[in-house]
Amino acid sequence: MKRRAAVIGLGHQAREDHLPGLLAAGRAELVALCDSDPVALGAQQDVHRVPGFTDTTELLDSIAPDFVIVAVPHHAGRAVVEECAARGIHILKEKPFATSLSEARELAAICAAGRVELMVTLQRRFNPIYTSVGQFLDQIGTPFLLDGQYTFHTDDPGAGWRGNVSQAGGGCIIDMGYHVVDLLLWYFGMPSRIIAEFSTAALPEAGYDAEDTAVIQIGYDSGLYGSVLLSRWIAPKTEELSVVGTKGSVLLTRGQVRRIALDGSVVEELTRSQAPVSAAAAQIDHFCRVLDGERTNASGPAQHLAHAAFVAACYESKKAGCYIDPKELL
């Protein structure tokens, strides 16, 4: 029997990823929608033909789903998690897990007290290109240098709540950068030192305070070091991670991973046309398997305390003007 799922928050991420993913998933079905905007809600109801609500409490009272997919603005996520946990309803939450390290600790305690599973949505973990990177890294000797970029251009990088630190928790580091943070933690673990420089200089007259561009320098006890550029102002759209080792290198882009020899020749590569619905559906089905006791939750609150510490170290290093060890924040 399929798990009954409701989607709370009907912005871009829900429309482009979570709703199509639910329709393609084999172990879940959409039973309700919720958004505070009645116009946005009505538009999706016309498409999906399920009950719609403008209030989370009313949805949970009326439908009692097995789990909810939460895709609300960052500052609104805590209230939804608290209410669902109090009712024993499981949560598949859009990143970030929390807007700060202190909130991450509190949300982890809330989920534990409510005995609910919470999994943070990170579709790259369900994309074969990204899952194969570890095997490629094993073949390049000792990695010692990394270089990452995740950039795109938006005309107003501070638009709406995303430009407000008090609501978003930060800018490109905690938002789009969360995907890069997850890749670094997934492939290499927690670094021992982080320092970040960032600014709101792309559109100074707009008056936002959440960074639009950032450079993060990181180092590991193993000797691996490097930097990551994040920006929601720089075109063209770029997403790549390059790792150099003693016997070669690995270059990861959104649809391809290559292992490159020391002379620059391509030893092997994997290419996959973009299939976001497939990754979203696989993520939802995996979460259902977690709920059914068939899989472990590798993207739960305990794991995302590390993400929160990484992000916090970025912001703390900017204030202090020096490297921060994120492990000390934990």
C-alpha atoms as a PDB file:
ATOM      1  CA  MET A   1       0.000   0.000   0.000  1.00  0.00           C
ATOM      2  CA  LYS A   2       1.283   3.422  -0.935  1.00  0.00           C
ATOM      3  CA  ARG A   3       2.246   6.000   1.680  1.00  0.00           C
ATOM      4  CA  ARG A   4      -0.072   9.022   1.751  1.00  0.00           C
ATOM      5  CA  ALA A   5       1.810  12.282   1.210  1.00  0.00           C
ATOM      6  CA  ALA A   6       0.873  15.955   1.412  1.00  0.00           C
ATOM      7  CA  VAL A   7       2.918  18.826  -0.011  1.00  0.00           C
ATOM      8  CA  ILE A   8       3.184  21.981   2.104  1.00  0.00           C
ATOM      9  CA  GLY A   9       4.462  24.964   0.145  1.00  0.00           C
ATOM     10  CA  LEU A  10       3.836  25.231  -3.597  1.00  0.00           C
ATOM     11  CA  GLY A  11       6.721  27.374  -4.790  1.00  0.00           C
ATOM     12  CA  HIS A  12       9.155  26.597  -7.583  1.00  0.00           C
ATOM     13  CA  GLN A  13      10.828  23.652  -5.857  1.00  0.00           C
ATOM     14  CA  ALA A  14       7.535  21.901  -5.151  1.00  0.00           C
ATOM     15  CA  ARG A  15       6.201  22.459  -8.653  1.00  0.00           C
ATOM     16  CA  GLU A  16       9.403  21.469 -10.455  1.00  0.00           C
ATOM     17  CA  ASP A  17      10.658  18.608  -8.275  1.00  0.00           C
ATOM     18  CA  HIS A  18       8.441  17.314  -5.493  1.00  0.00           C
ATOM     19  CA  LEU A  19       5.056  17.183  -7.200  1.00  0.00           C
ATOM     20  CA  PRO A  20       6.386  15.544 -10.392  1.00  0.00           C
ATOM     21  CA  GLY A  21       8.443  13.233  -8.182  1.00  0.00           C
ATOM     22  CA  LEU A  22       5.366  12.173  -6.237  1.00  0.00           C
ATOM     23  CA  LEU A  23       3.478  11.434  -9.440  1.00  0.00           C
ATOM     24  CA  ALA A  24       6.369   9.257 -10.642  1.00  0.00           C
ATOM     25  CA  ALA A  25       7.052   7.551  -7.305  1.00  0.00           C
ATOM     26  CA  GLY A  26       6.007   3.951  -6.861  1.00  0.00           C
ATOM     27  CA  ARG A  27       5.569   3.930  -3.083  1.00  0.00           C
ATOM     28  CA  ALA A  28       3.727   7.200  -2.371  1.00  0.00           C
ATOM     29  CA  GLU A  29       0.668   9.075  -3.535  1.00  0.00           C
ATOM     30  CA  LEU A  30      -0.344  12.719  -3.299  1.00  0.00           C
ATOM     31  CA  VAL A  31      -3.392  13.204  -1.048  1.00  0.00           C
ATOM     32  CA  ALA A  32      -3.374  16.937  -0.240  1.00  0.00           C
ATOM     33  CA  LEU A  33      -1.811  20.323  -0.949  1.00  0.00           C
ATOM     34  CA  CYS A  34      -1.184  23.347   1.234  1.00  0.00           C
ATOM     35  CA  ASP A  35      -0.086  26.919   0.530  1.00  0.00           C
ATOM     36  CA  SER A  36      -0.895  30.231   2.192  1.00  0.00           C
ATOM     37  CA  ASP A  37      -1.537  31.754  -1.250  1.00  0.00           C
ATOM     38  CA  PRO A  38      -5.032  30.689  -2.367  1.00  0.00           C
ATOM     39  CA  VAL A  39      -4.253  31.512  -6.002  1.00  0.00           C
ATOM     40  CA  ALA A  40      -1.174  29.290  -6.091  1.00  0.00           C
ATOM     41  CA  LEU A  41      -3.112  26.607  -4.229  1.00  0.00           C
ATOM     42  CA  GLY A  42      -6.042  26.728  -6.622  1.00  0.00           C
ATOM     43  CA  ALA A  43      -3.773  26.434  -9.660  1.00  0.00           C
ATOM     44  CA  GLN A  44      -2.215  23.206  -8.346  1.00  0.00           C
ATOM     45  CA  GLN A  45      -5.573  21.826  -7.251  1.00  0.00           C
ATOM     46  CA  ASP A  46      -6.808  22.235 -10.803  1.00  0.00           C
ATOM     47  CA  VAL A  47      -3.885  20.098 -11.964  1.00  0.00           C
ATOM     48  CA  HIS A  48      -3.758  17.432  -9.256  1.00  0.00           C
ATOM     49  CA  ARG A  49      -7.400  17.164  -8.154  1.00  0.00           C
ATOM     50  CA  VAL A  50      -6.726  16.650  -4.440  1.00  0.00           C
ATOM     51  CA  PRO A  51      -7.955  18.601  -1.380  1.00  0.00           C
ATOM     52  CA  GLY A  52      -6.233  21.930  -0.799  1.00  0.00           C
ATOM     53  CA  PHE A  53      -5.677  23.961   2.365  1.00  0.00           C
ATOM     54  CA  THR A  54      -4.249  27.370   3.197  1.00  0.00           C
ATOM     55  CA  ASP A  55      -3.485  26.324   6.778  1.00  0.00           C
ATOM     56  CA  THR A  56      -1.186  23.494   7.869  1.00  0.00           C
ATOM     57  CA  THR A  57      -3.195  22.680  10.988  1.00  0.00           C
ATOM     58  CA  GLU A  58      -6.379  22.303   8.983  1.00  0.00           C
ATOM     59  CA  LEU A  59      -4.627  19.976   6.529  1.00  0.00           C
ATOM     60  CA  LEU A  60      -3.233  17.767   9.276  1.00  0.00           C
ATOM     61  CA  ASP A  61      -6.595  17.656  11.083  1.00  0.00           C
ATOM     62  CA  SER A  62      -8.506  16.747   7.929  1.00  0.00           C
ATOM     63  CA  ILE A  63      -6.134  14.417   6.093  1.00  0.00           C
ATOM     64  CA  ALA A  64      -3.607  12.955   8.595  1.00  0.00           C
ATOM     65  CA  PRO A  65      -1.021  11.992   5.930  1.00  0.00           C
ATOM     66  CA  ASP A  66       1.752   9.477   6.548  1.00  0.00           C
ATOM     67  CA  PHE A  67       4.308  12.133   5.696  1.00  0.00           C
ATOM     68  CA  VAL A  68       4.566  15.662   4.390  1.00  0.00           C
ATOM     69  CA  ILE A  69       6.952  17.214   1.913  1.00  0.00           C
ATOM     70  CA  VAL A  70       7.827  20.635   3.324  1.00  0.00           C
ATOM     71  CA  ALA A  71       8.960  23.226   0.776  1.00  0.00           C
ATOM     72  CA  VAL A  72       8.299  26.491   2.588  1.00  0.00           C
ATOM     73  CA  PRO A  73      10.559  29.542   3.072  1.00  0.00           C
ATOM     74  CA  HIS A  74      13.438  28.850   5.429  1.00  0.00           C
ATOM     75  CA  HIS A  75      12.017  30.788   8.371  1.00  0.00           C
ATOM     76  CA  ALA A  76       8.662  28.993   8.142  1.00  0.00           C
ATOM     77  CA  GLY A  77      10.082  25.477   8.269  1.00  0.00           C
ATOM     78  CA  ARG A  78      10.466  25.172  12.025  1.00  0.00           C
ATOM     79  CA  ALA A  79       6.764  25.688  12.810  1.00  0.00           C
ATOM     80  CA  VAL A  80       5.753  23.023  10.293  1.00  0.00           C
ATOM     81  CA  VAL A  81       8.306  20.540  11.655  1.00  0.00           C
ATOM     82  CA  GLU A  82       7.151  21.182  15.223  1.00  0.00           C
ATOM     83  CA  GLU A  83       3.491  20.624  14.392  1.00  0.00           C
ATOM     84  CA  CYS A  84       4.118  17.483  12.359  1.00  0.00           C
ATOM     85  CA  ALA A  85       6.433  16.004  14.988  1.00  0.00           C
ATOM     86  CA  ALA A  86       3.841  16.634  17.694  1.00  0.00           C
ATOM     87  CA  ARG A  87       1.379  14.554  15.649  1.00  0.00           C
ATOM     88  CA  GLY A  88       3.817  11.781  14.720  1.00  0.00           C
ATOM     89  CA  ILE A  89       3.789  12.715  11.033  1.00  0.00           C
ATOM     90  CA  HIS A  90       7.067  12.131   9.179  1.00  0.00           C
ATOM     91  CA  ILE A  91       8.774  14.898   7.224  1.00  0.00           C
ATOM     92  CA  LEU A  92      10.647  15.118   3.942  1.00  0.00           C
ATOM     93  CA  LYS A  93      12.053  18.650   4.171  1.00  0.00           C
ATOM     94  CA  GLU A  94      13.496  20.888   1.496  1.00  0.00           C
ATOM     95  CA  LYS A  95      17.020  22.055   2.326  1.00  0.00           C
ATOM     96  CA  PRO A  96      18.413  23.607   4.447  1.00  0.00           C
ATOM     97  CA  PHE A  97      17.657  21.539   7.520  1.00  0.00           C
ATOM     98  CA  ALA A  98      17.715  24.675   9.686  1.00  0.00           C
ATOM     99  CA  THR A  99      18.569  28.373   9.526  1.00  0.00           C
ATOM    100  CA  SER A 100      21.274  28.100  12.199  1.00  0.00           C
ATOM    101  CA  LEU A 101      23.223  25.537  14.180  1.00  0.00           C
ATOM    102  CA  SER A 102      21.204  26.243  17.318  1.00  0.00           C
ATOM    103  CA  GLU A 103      17.952  25.714  15.428  1.00  0.00           C
ATOM    104  CA  ALA A 104      19.366  22.501  13.939  1.00  0.00           C
ATOM    105  CA  ARG A 105      19.990  21.140  17.431  1.00  0.00           C
ATOM    106  CA  GLU A 106      16.481  22.120  18.516  1.00  0.00           C
ATOM    107  CA  LEU A 107      14.841  20.551  15.460  1.00  0.00           C
ATOM    108  CA  ALA A 108      16.814  17.345  15.975  1.00  0.00           C
ATOM    109  CA  ALA A 109      15.516  17.175  19.551  1.00  0.00           C
ATOM    110  CA  ILE A 110      11.956  17.906  18.406  1.00  0.00           C
ATOM    111  CA  CYS A 111      12.058  15.054  15.860  1.00  0.00           C
ATOM    112  CA  ALA A 112      13.550  12.661  18.407  1.00  0.00           C
ATOM    113  CA  ALA A 113      10.883  13.549  20.981  1.00  0.00           C
ATOM    114  CA  GLY A 114       8.123  13.042  18.412  1.00  0.00           C
ATOM    115  CA  ARG A 115       9.709   9.809  17.160  1.00  0.00           C
ATOM    116  CA  VAL A 116       9.391  10.931  13.576  1.00  0.00           C
ATOM    117  CA  GLU A 117      11.724  10.503  10.639  1.00  0.00           C
ATOM    118  CA  LEU A 118      12.894  13.691   8.961  1.00  0.00           C
ATOM    119  CA  MET A 119      14.913  13.494   5.774  1.00  0.00           C
ATOM    120  CA  VAL A 120      16.382  16.542   4.054  1.00  0.00           C
ATOM    121  CA  THR A 121      15.865  16.621   0.288  1.00  0.00           C
ATOM    122  CA  LEU A 122      19.136  16.441  -1.641  1.00  0.00           C
ATOM    123  CA  GLN A 123      18.342  14.967  -5.042  1.00  0.00           C
ATOM    124  CA  ARG A 124      21.977  14.700  -6.083  1.00  0.00           C
ATOM    125  CA  ARG A 125      22.299  11.790  -3.667  1.00  0.00           C
ATOM    126  CA  PHE A 126      19.905   9.882  -5.933  1.00  0.00           C
ATOM    127  CA  ASN A 127      21.604  10.740  -9.224  1.00  0.00           C
ATOM    128  CA  PRO A 128      23.954   8.008 -10.563  1.00  0.00           C
ATOM    129  CA  ILE A 129      26.484  10.606 -11.727  1.00  0.00           C
ATOM    130  CA  TYR A 130      27.003  11.868  -8.185  1.00  0.00           C
ATOM    131  CA  THR A 131      26.841   8.448  -6.519  1.00  0.00           C
ATOM    132  CA  SER A 132      29.649   7.158  -8.770  1.00  0.00           C
ATOM    133  CA  VAL A 133      32.110   9.929  -7.850  1.00  0.00           C
ATOM    134  CA  GLY A 134      33.476   8.031  -4.864  1.00  0.00           C
ATOM    135  CA  GLN A 135      34.640   5.180  -7.100  1.00  0.00           C
ATOM    136  CA  PHE A 136      36.417   7.640  -9.383  1.00  0.00           C
ATOM    137  CA  LEU A 137      38.074   9.387  -6.429  1.00  0.00           C
ATOM    138  CA  ASP A 138      39.464   6.050  -5.236  1.00  0.00           C
ATOM    139  CA  GLN A 139      41.489   5.828  -8.458  1.00  0.00           C
ATOM    140  CA  ILE A 140      43.332   9.173  -8.451  1.00  0.00           C
ATOM    141  CA  GLY A 141      45.772   8.506  -5.644  1.00  0.00           C
ATOM    142  CA  THR A 142      45.807  10.958  -2.750  1.00  0.00           C
ATOM    143  CA  PRO A 143      43.549  13.972  -3.384  1.00  0.00           C
ATOM    144  CA  PHE A 144      45.238  17.237  -2.435  1.00  0.00           C
ATOM    145  CA  LEU A 145      43.371  20.030  -4.275  1.00  0.00           C
ATOM    146  CA  LEU A 146      39.718  20.770  -4.962  1.00  0.00           C
ATOM    147  CA  ASP A 147      37.964  23.568  -6.801  1.00  0.00           C
ATOM    148  CA  GLY A 148      34.197  24.000  -6.873  1.00  0.00           C
ATOM    149  CA  GLN A 149      31.791  26.392  -8.556  1.00  0.00           C
ATOM    150  CA  TYR A 150      28.043  26.762  -8.374  1.00  0.00           C
ATOM    151  CA  THR A 151      26.831  29.949 -10.033  1.00  0.00           C
ATOM    152  CA  PHE A 152      23.897  31.331 -11.960  1.00  0.00           C
ATOM    153  CA  HIS A 153      22.453  34.756 -12.700  1.00  0.00           C
ATOM    154  CA  THR A 154      19.227  36.122 -11.343  1.00  0.00           C
ATOM    155  CA  ASP A 155      18.261  39.741 -11.979  1.00  0.00           C
ATOM    156  CA  ASP A 156      17.435  40.382  -8.333  1.00  0.00           C
ATOM    157  CA  PRO A 157      19.544  38.158  -6.034  1.00  0.00           C
ATOM    158  CA  GLY A 158      17.965  39.705  -2.950  1.00  0.00           C
ATOM    159  CA  ALA A 159      14.324  39.356  -3.961  1.00  0.00           C
ATOM    160  CA  GLY A 160      11.763  38.423  -1.319  1.00  0.00           C
ATOM    161  CA  TRP A 161      12.654  36.515   1.832  1.00  0.00           C
ATOM    162  CA  ARG A 162      15.815  35.059   0.270  1.00  0.00           C
ATOM    163  CA  GLY A 163      17.498  38.443   0.550  1.00  0.00           C
ATOM    164  CA  ASN A 164      16.747  38.784   4.254  1.00  0.00           C
ATOM    165  CA  VAL A 165      19.201  37.119   6.643  1.00  0.00           C
ATOM    166  CA  SER A 166      16.688  37.104   9.494  1.00  0.00           C
ATOM    167  CA  GLN A 167      14.323  34.991   7.385  1.00  0.00           C
ATOM    168  CA  ALA A 168      16.664  32.938   5.199  1.00  0.00           C
ATOM    169  CA  GLY A 169      19.489  32.413   7.689  1.00  0.00           C
ATOM    170  CA  GLY A 170      21.939  33.708   5.074  1.00  0.00           C
ATOM    171  CA  GLY A 171      22.295  33.961   1.323  1.00  0.00           C
ATOM    172  CA  CYS A 172      23.952  31.817  -1.306  1.00  0.00           C
ATOM    173  CA  ILE A 173      25.968  29.813   1.246  1.00  0.00           C
ATOM    174  CA  ILE A 174      23.017  28.382   3.180  1.00  0.00           C
ATOM    175  CA  ASP A 175      20.660  28.280   0.204  1.00  0.00           C
ATOM    176  CA  MET A 176      22.092  27.097  -3.127  1.00  0.00           C
ATOM    177  CA  GLY A 177      25.449  26.424  -1.463  1.00  0.00           C
ATOM    178  CA  TYR A 178      23.871  23.763   0.753  1.00  0.00           C
ATOM    179  CA  HIS A 179      24.125  21.338  -2.180  1.00  0.00           C
ATOM    180  CA  VAL A 180      27.877  21.933  -2.466  1.00  0.00           C
ATOM    181  CA  VAL A 181      28.311  21.603   1.301  1.00  0.00           C
ATOM    182  CA  ASP A 182      26.547  18.245   1.111  1.00  0.00           C
ATOM    183  CA  LEU A 183      28.843  17.028  -1.676  1.00  0.00           C
ATOM    184  CA  LEU A 184      31.956  18.006   0.287  1.00  0.00           C
ATOM    185  CA  LEU A 185      30.722  16.259   3.434  1.00  0.00           C
ATOM    186  CA  TRP A 186      29.597  13.222   1.446  1.00  0.00           C
ATOM    187  CA  TYR A 187      32.851  12.745  -0.439  1.00  0.00           C
ATOM    188  CA  PHE A 188      35.458  14.004   2.036  1.00  0.00           C
ATOM    189  CA  GLY A 189      33.879  14.428   5.470  1.00  0.00           C
ATOM    190  CA  MET A 190      34.107  17.484   7.694  1.00  0.00           C
ATOM    191  CA  PRO A 191      37.029  19.843   7.011  1.00  0.00           C
ATOM    192  CA  SER A 192      39.222  21.029   9.854  1.00  0.00           C
ATOM    193  CA  ARG A 193      39.293  24.674   8.801  1.00  0.00           C
ATOM    194  CA  ILE A 194      36.947  27.001   6.921  1.00  0.00           C
ATOM    195  CA  ILE A 195      37.156  30.678   6.048  1.00  0.00           C
ATOM    196  CA  ALA A 196      34.658  32.545   3.874  1.00  0.00           C
ATOM    197  CA  GLU A 197      34.514  35.901   2.171  1.00  0.00           C
ATOM    198  CA  PHE A 198      31.197  37.113   0.821  1.00  0.00           C
ATOM    199  CA  SER A 199      29.333  40.257  -0.165  1.00  0.00           C
ATOM    200  CA  THR A 200      26.068  41.880  -1.186  1.00  0.00           C
ATOM    201  CA  ALA A 201      27.824  43.977  -3.815  1.00  0.00           C
ATOM    202  CA  ALA A 202      26.141  42.702  -6.979  1.00  0.00           C
ATOM    203  CA  LEU A 203      23.121  44.985  -6.675  1.00  0.00           C
ATOM    204  CA  PRO A 204      23.971  47.439  -3.863  1.00  0.00           C
ATOM    205  CA  GLU A 205      20.972  49.679  -4.444  1.00  0.00           C
ATOM    206  CA  ALA A 206      18.569  46.797  -3.716  1.00  0.00           C
ATOM    207  CA  GLY A 207      19.196  46.931   0.031  1.00  0.00           C
ATOM    208  CA  TYR A 208      19.306  43.178   0.804  1.00  0.00           C
ATOM    209  CA  ASP A 209      21.652  41.760   3.465  1.00  0.00           C
ATOM    210  CA  ALA A 210      21.952  38.076   2.439  1.00  0.00           C
ATOM    211  CA  GLU A 211      25.145  37.416   0.480  1.00  0.00           C
ATOM    212  CA  ASP A 212      24.802  37.074  -3.289  1.00  0.00           C
ATOM    213  CA  THR A 213      28.383  35.864  -3.876  1.00  0.00           C
ATOM    214  CA  ALA A 214      30.822  33.953  -1.678  1.00  0.00           C
ATOM    215  CA  VAL A 215      34.212  32.260  -1.796  1.00  0.00           C
ATOM    216  CA  ILE A 216      34.834  29.527   0.776  1.00  0.00           C
ATOM    217  CA  GLN A 217      38.334  28.192   1.445  1.00  0.00           C
ATOM    218  CA  ILE A 218      38.580  24.840   3.189  1.00  0.00           C
ATOM    219  CA  GLY A 219      41.288  22.514   4.455  1.00  0.00           C
ATOM    220  CA  TYR A 220      41.426  18.951   5.755  1.00  0.00           C
ATOM    221  CA  ASP A 221      43.845  17.238   8.112  1.00  0.00           C
ATOM    222  CA  SER A 222      44.637  14.855   5.239  1.00  0.00           C
ATOM    223  CA  GLY A 223      46.251  17.701   3.284  1.00  0.00           C
ATOM    224  CA  LEU A 224      43.341  18.252   0.918  1.00  0.00           C
ATOM    225  CA  TYR A 225      42.561  21.928   0.453  1.00  0.00           C
ATOM    226  CA  GLY A 226      40.765  24.203  -1.984  1.00  0.00           C
ATOM    227  CA  SER A 227      37.996  26.694  -2.547  1.00  0.00           C
ATOM    228  CA  VAL A 228      34.394  26.970  -3.666  1.00  0.00           C
ATOM    229  CA  LEU A 229      32.776  29.888  -5.515  1.00  0.00           C
ATOM    230  CA  LEU A 230      29.052  30.425  -5.004  1.00  0.00           C
ATOM    231  CA  SER A 231      26.973  33.135  -6.660  1.00  0.00           C
ATOM    232  CA  ARG A 232      23.438  33.938  -7.698  1.00  0.00           C
ATOM    233  CA  TRP A 233      24.726  36.793  -9.871  1.00  0.00           C
ATOM    234  CA  ILE A 234      27.407  35.243 -12.095  1.00  0.00           C
ATOM    235  CA  ALA A 235      26.497  33.870 -15.536  1.00  0.00           C
ATOM    236  CA  PRO A 236      26.599  31.417 -17.185  1.00  0.00           C
ATOM    237  CA  LYS A 237      25.080  28.795 -14.938  1.00  0.00           C
ATOM    238  CA  THR A 238      27.930  26.590 -13.772  1.00  0.00           C
ATOM    239  CA  GLU A 239      28.027  23.600 -11.472  1.00  0.00           C
ATOM    240  CA  GLU A 240      31.269  21.664 -11.188  1.00  0.00           C
ATOM    241  CA  LEU A 241      33.711  20.157  -8.758  1.00  0.00           C
ATOM    242  CA  SER A 242      37.301  19.347  -9.709  1.00  0.00           C
ATOM    243  CA  VAL A 243      39.486  17.178  -7.456  1.00  0.00           C
ATOM    244  CA  VAL A 244      43.202  16.722  -8.182  1.00  0.00           C
ATOM    245  CA  GLY A 245      45.153  13.775  -6.846  1.00  0.00           C
ATOM    246  CA  THR A 246      48.635  12.298  -7.129  1.00  0.00           C
ATOM    247  CA  LYS A 247      47.587   9.929  -9.930  1.00  0.00           C
ATOM    248  CA  GLY A 248      45.006  11.986 -11.799  1.00  0.00           C
ATOM    249  CA  SER A 249      41.897  14.051 -11.275  1.00  0.00           C
ATOM    250  CA  VAL A 250      38.114  13.884 -11.265  1.00  0.00           C
ATOM    251  CA  LEU A 251      35.870  16.500 -12.867  1.00  0.00           C
ATOM    252  CA  LEU A 252      32.207  16.451 -11.887  1.00  0.00           C
ATOM    253  CA  THR A 253      29.594  18.504 -13.686  1.00  0.00           C
ATOM    254  CA  ARG A 254      25.832  18.303 -13.447  1.00  0.00           C
ATOM    255  CA  GLY A 255      25.458  15.654 -16.128  1.00  0.00           C
ATOM    256  CA  GLN A 256      28.908  14.120 -16.333  1.00  0.00           C
ATOM    257  CA  VAL A 257      31.838  12.804 -14.295  1.00  0.00           C
ATOM    258  CA  ARG A 258      35.277  12.253 -15.804  1.00  0.00           C
ATOM    259  CA  ARG A 259      38.458  10.647 -14.523  1.00  0.00           C
ATOM    260  CA  ILE A 260      41.425  12.367 -16.095  1.00  0.00           C
ATOM    261  CA  ALA A 261      45.012  11.114 -16.332  1.00  0.00           C
ATOM    262  CA  LEU A 262      48.025  13.220 -15.380  1.00  0.00           C
ATOM    263  CA  ASP A 263      48.630  14.039 -19.059  1.00  0.00           C
ATOM    264  CA  GLY A 264      45.100  15.435 -19.403  1.00  0.00           C
ATOM    265  CA  SER A 265      43.576  12.543 -21.317  1.00  0.00           C
ATOM    266  CA  VAL A 266      40.176  11.223 -20.287  1.00  0.00           C
ATOM    267  CA  VAL A 267      40.519   7.733 -18.824  1.00  0.00           C
ATOM    268  CA  GLU A 268      36.814   7.126 -18.327  1.00  0.00           C
ATOM    269  CA  GLU A 269      33.586   9.067 -18.092  1.00  0.00           C
ATOM    270  CA  LEU A 270      29.929   8.671 -17.255  1.00  0.00           C
ATOM    271  CA  THR A 271      27.303  10.891 -18.852  1.00  0.00           C
ATOM    272  CA  ARG A 272      23.613  11.111 -18.085  1.00  0.00           C
ATOM    273  CA  SER A 273      20.976  13.341 -19.594  1.00  0.00           C
ATOM    274  CA  GLN A 274      19.203  15.378 -16.963  1.00  0.00           C
ATOM    275  CA  ALA A 275      16.376  13.482 -15.288  1.00  0.00           C
ATOM    276  CA  PRO A 276      15.273  15.548 -12.264  1.00  0.00           C
ATOM    277  CA  VAL A 277      11.953  13.737 -11.960  1.00  0.00           C
ATOM    278  CA  SER A 278      13.749  10.398 -11.710  1.00  0.00           C
ATOM    279  CA  ALA A 279      15.960  11.644  -8.862  1.00  0.00           C
ATOM    280  CA  ALA A 280      13.004  13.220  -7.056  1.00  0.00           C
ATOM    281  CA  ALA A 281      10.938  10.047  -7.373  1.00  0.00           C
ATOM    282  CA  ALA A 282      13.853   7.886  -6.192  1.00  0.00           C
ATOM    283  CA  GLN A 283      14.282  10.165  -3.182  1.00  0.00           C
ATOM    284  CA  ILE A 284      10.601   9.888  -2.246  1.00  0.00           C
ATOM    285  CA  ASP A 285      10.599   6.110  -2.671  1.00  0.00           C
ATOM    286  CA  HIS A 286      13.740   5.868  -0.552  1.00  0.00           C
ATOM    287  CA  PHE A 287      12.064   7.856   2.210  1.00  0.00           C
ATOM    288  CA  CYS A 288       9.094   5.495   2.084  1.00  0.00           C
ATOM    289  CA  ARG A 289      11.509   2.583   2.460  1.00  0.00           C
ATOM    290  CA  VAL A 290      13.007   4.338   5.486  1.00  0.00           C
ATOM    291  CA  LEU A 291       9.511   4.589   6.978  1.00  0.00           C
ATOM    292  CA  ASP A 292       8.938   0.909   6.225  1.00  0.00           C
ATOM    293  CA  GLY A 293      12.194  -0.087   7.924  1.00  0.00           C
ATOM    294  CA  GLU A 294      13.863  -1.206   4.711  1.00  0.00           C
ATOM    295  CA  ARG A 295      16.489   1.555   4.479  1.00  0.00           C
ATOM    296  CA  THR A 296      18.426   3.754   6.876  1.00  0.00           C
ATOM    297  CA  ASN A 297      17.965   7.515   6.875  1.00  0.00           C
ATOM    298  CA  ALA A 298      21.345   8.887   5.817  1.00  0.00           C
ATOM    299  CA  SER A 299      20.048  12.454   5.503  1.00  0.00           C
ATOM    300  CA  GLY A 300      18.398  12.942   8.876  1.00  0.00           C
ATOM    301  CA  PRO A 301      18.835  15.457  11.705  1.00  0.00           C
ATOM    302  CA  ALA A 302      21.964  13.774  13.123  1.00  0.00           C
ATOM    303  CA  GLN A 303      23.747  14.019   9.778  1.00  0.00           C
ATOM    304  CA  HIS A 304      22.652  17.595   9.103  1.00  0.00           C
ATOM    305  CA  LEU A 305      24.108  18.931  12.305  1.00  0.00           C
ATOM    306  CA  ALA A 306      27.371  18.697  10.348  1.00  0.00           C
ATOM    307  CA  HIS A 307      25.907  20.732   7.478  1.00  0.00           C
ATOM    308  CA  ALA A 308      24.704  23.356   9.934  1.00  0.00           C
ATOM    309  CA  ALA A 309      28.138  23.506  11.564  1.00  0.00           C
ATOM    310  CA  PHE A 310      29.838  23.895   8.172  1.00  0.00           C
ATOM    311  CA  VAL A 311      27.532  26.772   7.246  1.00  0.00           C
ATOM    312  CA  ALA A 312      27.905  28.364  10.684  1.00  0.00           C
ATOM    313  CA  ALA A 313      31.693  28.191  10.355  1.00  0.00           C
ATOM    314  CA  CYS A 314      31.467  30.156   7.104  1.00  0.00           C
ATOM    315  CA  TYR A 315      29.554  32.982   8.730  1.00  0.00           C
ATOM    316  CA  GLU A 316      31.621  32.900  11.929  1.00  0.00           C
ATOM    317  CA  SER A 317      34.877  33.059   9.963  1.00  0.00           C
ATOM    318  CA  LYS A 318      33.725  36.187   8.166  1.00  0.00           C
ATOM    319  CA  LYS A 319      33.024  37.892  11.490  1.00  0.00           C
ATOM    320  CA  ALA A 320      36.259  36.731  13.106  1.00  0.00           C
ATOM    321  CA  GLY A 321      38.486  37.246  10.076  1.00  0.00           C
ATOM    322  CA  CYS A 322      40.166  33.889  10.573  1.00  0.00           C
ATOM    323  CA  TYR A 323      39.766  30.177   9.940  1.00  0.00           C
ATOM    324  CA  ILE A 324      37.156  28.318  12.018  1.00  0.00           C
ATOM    325  CA  ASP A 325      37.169  24.597  12.783  1.00  0.00           C
ATOM    326  CA  PRO A 326      33.541  23.502  12.235  1.00  0.00           C
ATOM    327  CA  LYS A 327      34.073  20.411  14.382  1.00  0.00           C
ATOM    328  CA  GLU A 328      34.614  22.671  17.377  1.00  0.00           C
ATOM    329  CA  LEU A 329      31.165  24.196  16.803  1.00  0.00           C
ATOM    330  CA  LEU A 330      29.656  20.741  17.255  1.00  0.00           C
END
